[in-house]
Amino acid sequence: FTLLLQPAVSVGNVGQLAIDLVISTLDMTKVGYFYTDCLVPMVGNNPYATAEENSTELSINAEVYSLPSKKLVVLQIRSPFIKNKYRPFCEALLSWVKSSKCARVVLLSSSHAYQRDDEQLLGTPLRYLLTPDLEKAVGGQVKELNWKEMEKVASYPGVSDTDKVLHIPGGGITKLLFTESCSEGIQMAVLLKFCSEGDNIPDAFVLVNYLNEWLQLIKSEVSTVRSKWKIPSSWRLLFGSGLPPALF
């Protein structure tokens, strides 16, 4: 089956940075664009350039990469959403998922660390969600990983703790895309990290290692080791890089 991996445009851009690491490390091939009027238009140089010859290739706001050997397709999103365009984008995306016969979707996201409730402050800052259809397929496998499912929080904190809702502050399209996938029978997993805005490169490594625990995209004996992932050339200009030269 084909797996679609994509980011939510969320706090710290953690999902997008993690996707950068996947595309760069697996040396994925760009196969097309996801045309939409829901994202802010943008154009730039090739973020994964490896030589002067391919550094002038152009990239836009939503591009599709493929790795047939792993039956993996990646949608990278590089610009924010235009106001009130979340729902049209989700509808277009899920329509594309169905028409292209992607069996599963994994959404990499993040949520504001400062808006966690007491229960969410405990343990790991990583959480997951599975739609009912995916739960049937991989629920047992995920339980073996001892991951923590994203907790629902009280609708009216301090007033009533019985009504619980899914709340992902700073998560962008995450909640909408997940709930729509639930109702449309799409197999989707959300992997997210609680974080704050700033230098979010360390958060991206944590999230992509979390993904790798499950999907084993690369062989990694120690899940905390950064050097297993190939840093994109475009990161040299990010946050003053903050990374030792040996990692490039």
Protein backbone atom coordinates (compact mmCIF):
# COMPACT_ATOMS: atom_id res chain seq x y z
CA PHE A 1 0.00 0.00 0.00
CA THR A 2 1.07 3.62 -0.50
CA LEU A 3 1.59 5.82 2.54
CA LEU A 4 1.20 9.61 2.34
CA LEU A 5 3.30 11.58 4.81
CA GLN A 6 2.67 15.30 5.26
CA PRO A 7 3.00 18.15 7.77
CA ALA A 8 0.43 20.38 9.35
CA VAL A 9 1.47 24.04 9.30
CA SER A 10 1.59 24.31 13.08
CA VAL A 11 3.48 25.95 15.96
CA GLY A 12 7.23 26.09 15.34
CA ASN A 13 6.81 24.54 11.86
CA VAL A 14 7.97 21.30 13.49
CA GLY A 15 6.11 19.01 11.08
CA GLN A 16 7.56 20.79 8.06
CA LEU A 17 11.11 20.60 9.45
CA ALA A 18 10.65 16.88 10.17
CA ILE A 19 9.40 16.34 6.60
CA ASP A 20 12.52 18.15 5.34
CA LEU A 21 14.65 15.57 7.14
CA VAL A 22 12.71 12.67 5.61
CA ILE A 23 12.93 14.02 2.04
CA SER A 24 16.62 14.88 2.37
CA THR A 25 17.68 11.64 4.08
CA LEU A 26 15.78 9.32 1.75
CA ASP A 27 16.83 11.40 -1.28
CA MET A 28 13.23 11.49 -2.48
CA THR A 29 12.37 12.52 -6.03
CA LYS A 30 10.07 15.46 -6.69
CA VAL A 31 7.23 14.16 -8.86
CA GLY A 32 4.79 17.05 -8.92
CA TYR A 33 2.95 19.88 -7.22
CA PHE A 34 -0.22 20.10 -5.16
CA TYR A 35 -1.96 23.05 -6.77
CA THR A 36 -4.20 24.99 -4.39
CA ASP A 37 -5.35 28.57 -3.80
CA CYS A 38 -5.56 27.90 -0.05
CA LEU A 39 -1.88 28.59 0.65
CA VAL A 40 0.07 31.83 0.48
CA PRO A 41 1.92 31.79 -2.89
CA MET A 42 5.70 31.47 -2.69
CA VAL A 43 8.68 30.46 -4.79
CA GLY A 44 12.27 29.76 -3.84
CA ASN A 45 15.41 27.82 -4.64
CA ASN A 46 15.74 24.06 -4.27
CA PRO A 47 15.87 23.47 -0.47
CA TYR A 48 17.56 20.09 -0.93
CA ALA A 49 20.30 21.19 -3.33
CA THR A 50 23.37 18.98 -3.27
CA ALA A 51 25.43 20.76 -5.93
CA GLU A 52 25.55 24.03 -7.84
CA GLU A 53 23.84 22.35 -10.81
CA ASN A 54 20.58 21.68 -8.95
CA SER A 55 20.64 24.67 -6.59
CA THR A 56 18.77 26.91 -9.04
CA GLU A 57 15.78 24.59 -9.43
CA LEU A 58 12.62 26.30 -8.21
CA SER A 59 10.36 25.16 -5.38
CA ILE A 60 6.82 26.32 -4.58
CA ASN A 61 4.41 26.17 -1.66
CA ALA A 62 3.16 22.58 -1.95
CA GLU A 63 5.20 19.84 -3.62
CA VAL A 64 4.95 16.07 -3.88
CA TYR A 65 7.91 13.71 -3.49
CA SER A 66 8.01 9.96 -4.04
CA LEU A 67 10.05 6.92 -3.04
CA PRO A 68 8.55 3.88 -4.83
CA SER A 69 10.88 1.39 -3.09
CA LYS A 70 9.22 2.21 0.24
CA LYS A 71 5.78 2.92 -1.27
CA LEU A 72 6.06 6.37 0.26
CA VAL A 73 4.67 9.68 -1.00
CA VAL A 74 5.42 12.95 0.79
CA LEU A 75 3.55 16.24 0.49
CA GLN A 76 5.66 19.14 1.75
CA ILE A 77 3.89 22.41 2.54
CA ARG A 78 6.06 25.52 2.74
CA SER A 79 3.72 28.45 3.34
CA PRO A 80 0.88 29.35 5.72
CA PHE A 81 -2.81 29.05 4.96
CA ILE A 82 -4.89 31.94 3.70
CA LYS A 83 -7.57 32.94 6.21
CA ASN A 84 -10.75 30.81 6.08
CA LYS A 85 -9.15 28.34 3.66
CA TYR A 86 -8.60 25.42 6.08
CA ARG A 87 -11.77 23.56 5.13
CA PRO A 88 -11.44 23.88 1.31
CA PHE A 89 -7.86 22.65 1.60
CA CYS A 90 -8.86 19.64 3.72
CA GLU A 91 -11.63 18.76 1.26
CA ALA A 92 -9.25 18.99 -1.72
CA LEU A 93 -6.56 17.00 0.07
CA LEU A 94 -8.84 14.15 1.15
CA SER A 95 -10.36 14.02 -2.33
CA TRP A 96 -6.84 13.64 -3.73
CA VAL A 97 -5.99 10.96 -1.15
CA LYS A 98 -9.02 8.93 -2.26
CA SER A 99 -8.47 9.39 -6.00
CA SER A 100 -4.77 8.54 -5.80
CA LYS A 101 -5.57 5.47 -3.67
CA CYS A 102 -3.24 6.31 -0.78
CA ALA A 103 -3.96 3.62 1.77
CA ARG A 104 -2.82 5.59 4.81
CA VAL A 105 -1.96 9.15 5.78
CA VAL A 106 0.44 10.24 8.53
CA LEU A 107 0.23 13.89 9.60
CA LEU A 108 3.17 15.41 11.50
CA SER A 109 2.07 18.25 13.74
CA SER A 110 2.73 20.23 16.91
CA SER A 111 0.78 21.99 19.63
CA HIS A 112 1.43 24.85 22.07
CA ALA A 113 3.32 23.51 25.11
CA TYR A 114 1.97 26.30 27.33
CA GLN A 115 -1.65 25.28 26.72
CA ARG A 116 -1.32 21.74 28.05
CA ASP A 117 -3.61 20.66 30.88
CA ASP A 118 -2.30 18.92 34.02
CA GLU A 119 -2.53 15.43 32.52
CA GLN A 120 -0.63 16.47 29.40
CA LEU A 121 2.24 17.84 31.48
CA LEU A 122 3.15 14.33 32.61
CA GLY A 123 5.72 12.21 30.80
CA THR A 124 6.66 12.54 27.15
CA PRO A 125 5.83 15.66 25.09
CA LEU A 126 4.88 13.38 22.16
CA ARG A 127 1.33 12.26 21.36
CA TYR A 128 -0.52 10.31 18.68
CA LEU A 129 -4.05 9.94 17.28
CA LEU A 130 -5.46 7.17 15.09
CA THR A 131 -8.72 7.27 13.13
CA PRO A 132 -11.03 4.30 13.89
CA ASP A 133 -10.18 2.64 10.57
CA LEU A 134 -6.45 2.84 11.22
CA GLU A 135 -6.91 1.79 14.85
CA LYS A 136 -8.34 -1.52 13.59
CA ALA A 137 -5.32 -2.06 11.35
CA VAL A 138 -2.36 -0.98 13.52
CA GLY A 139 -3.74 -0.39 17.03
CA GLY A 140 -1.95 -3.40 18.47
CA GLN A 141 1.35 -2.45 16.84
CA VAL A 142 1.16 1.10 18.22
CA LYS A 143 0.30 -0.15 21.73
CA GLU A 144 3.53 -2.18 21.71
CA LEU A 145 5.44 1.10 21.28
CA ASN A 146 3.98 2.36 24.59
CA TRP A 147 3.06 5.69 23.04
CA LYS A 148 0.68 8.13 24.70
CA GLU A 149 -2.54 8.95 22.91
CA MET A 150 -3.52 12.62 22.72
CA GLU A 151 -5.77 13.28 25.70
CA LYS A 152 -9.14 14.94 25.34
CA VAL A 153 -9.63 17.96 27.58
CA ALA A 154 -12.62 19.40 29.41
CA SER A 155 -14.89 21.57 27.23
CA TYR A 156 -15.47 23.90 30.18
CA PRO A 157 -12.47 23.61 32.53
CA GLY A 158 -13.38 24.25 36.14
CA VAL A 159 -17.10 24.13 35.36
CA SER A 160 -17.64 20.63 34.03
CA ASP A 161 -15.03 17.92 33.57
CA THR A 162 -17.43 15.38 32.06
CA ASP A 163 -17.60 16.87 28.55
CA LYS A 164 -14.27 16.09 26.88
CA VAL A 165 -13.14 17.36 23.48
CA LEU A 166 -10.10 17.04 21.25
CA HIS A 167 -8.17 20.30 21.54
CA ILE A 168 -4.95 20.96 19.59
CA PRO A 169 -4.04 24.65 20.09
CA GLY A 170 -1.47 25.84 17.56
CA GLY A 171 -2.07 22.71 15.48
CA GLY A 172 -3.39 24.46 12.35
CA ILE A 173 -5.40 22.05 10.19
CA THR A 174 -4.64 19.06 12.43
CA LYS A 175 -7.95 18.71 14.25
CA LEU A 176 -10.11 19.44 11.19
CA LEU A 177 -8.18 17.05 8.95
CA PHE A 178 -8.27 14.31 11.59
CA THR A 179 -12.02 14.61 12.32
CA GLU A 180 -12.84 14.73 8.59
CA SER A 181 -10.72 11.61 8.04
CA CYS A 182 -12.58 9.87 10.88
CA SER A 183 -15.96 10.60 9.29
CA GLU A 184 -14.80 9.65 5.77
CA GLY A 185 -13.24 6.33 6.76
CA ILE A 186 -9.68 7.37 5.88
CA GLN A 187 -6.82 5.66 7.70
CA MET A 188 -4.94 8.57 9.27
CA ALA A 189 -2.43 8.87 12.08
CA VAL A 190 -1.43 12.17 13.69
CA LEU A 191 1.96 12.34 15.42
CA LEU A 192 2.58 15.56 17.30
CA LYS A 193 4.90 17.23 19.77
CA PHE A 194 4.14 19.88 22.36
CA CYS A 195 6.57 22.76 21.78
CA SER A 196 7.12 26.51 21.82
CA GLU A 197 8.13 28.90 19.04
CA GLY A 198 11.87 29.45 18.68
CA ASP A 199 14.69 27.29 17.35
CA ASN A 200 12.58 24.23 16.62
CA ILE A 201 15.27 22.12 14.95
CA PRO A 202 15.63 19.92 18.10
CA ASP A 203 11.83 19.41 18.12
CA ALA A 204 11.97 18.28 14.48
CA PHE A 205 14.58 15.63 15.31
CA VAL A 206 12.48 14.37 18.21
CA LEU A 207 9.34 14.17 16.03
CA VAL A 208 11.04 12.45 13.08
CA ASN A 209 12.63 9.90 15.45
CA TYR A 210 9.17 9.30 16.92
CA LEU A 211 7.88 8.63 13.39
CA ASN A 212 10.83 6.35 12.72
CA GLU A 213 10.09 4.23 15.80
CA TRP A 214 6.92 3.13 14.05
CA LEU A 215 7.66 3.21 10.31
CA GLN A 216 11.38 2.38 10.37
CA LEU A 217 12.18 4.69 7.47
CA ILE A 218 15.86 4.52 8.35
CA LYS A 219 17.83 2.07 10.48
CA SER A 220 18.75 3.72 13.74
CA GLU A 221 20.25 1.93 16.71
CA VAL A 222 19.91 4.94 18.98
CA SER A 223 16.73 6.95 18.35
CA THR A 224 18.22 10.16 19.79
CA VAL A 225 21.16 10.31 17.37
CA ARG A 226 20.82 13.27 15.02
CA SER A 227 23.47 12.27 12.54
CA LYS A 228 21.35 9.45 11.07
CA TRP A 229 19.25 12.14 9.41
CA LYS A 230 20.66 14.18 6.53
CA ILE A 231 20.36 17.92 7.10
CA PRO A 232 18.99 19.80 4.04
CA SER A 233 21.32 22.41 2.59
CA SER A 234 18.65 25.10 3.15
CA TRP A 235 18.99 24.68 6.93
CA ARG A 236 22.34 26.47 6.84
CA LEU A 237 20.36 29.72 6.88
CA LEU A 238 17.90 28.58 9.55
CA PHE A 239 18.15 30.09 13.06
CA GLY A 240 21.81 30.86 12.29
CA SER A 241 21.83 27.07 11.72
CA GLY A 242 22.56 26.25 15.37
CA LEU A 243 24.08 23.02 14.08
CA PRO A 244 27.71 21.96 14.09
CA PRO A 245 29.34 21.94 10.63
CA ALA A 246 29.88 18.17 10.84
CA LEU A 247 26.13 17.66 10.51
CA PHE A 248 26.03 19.21 7.04
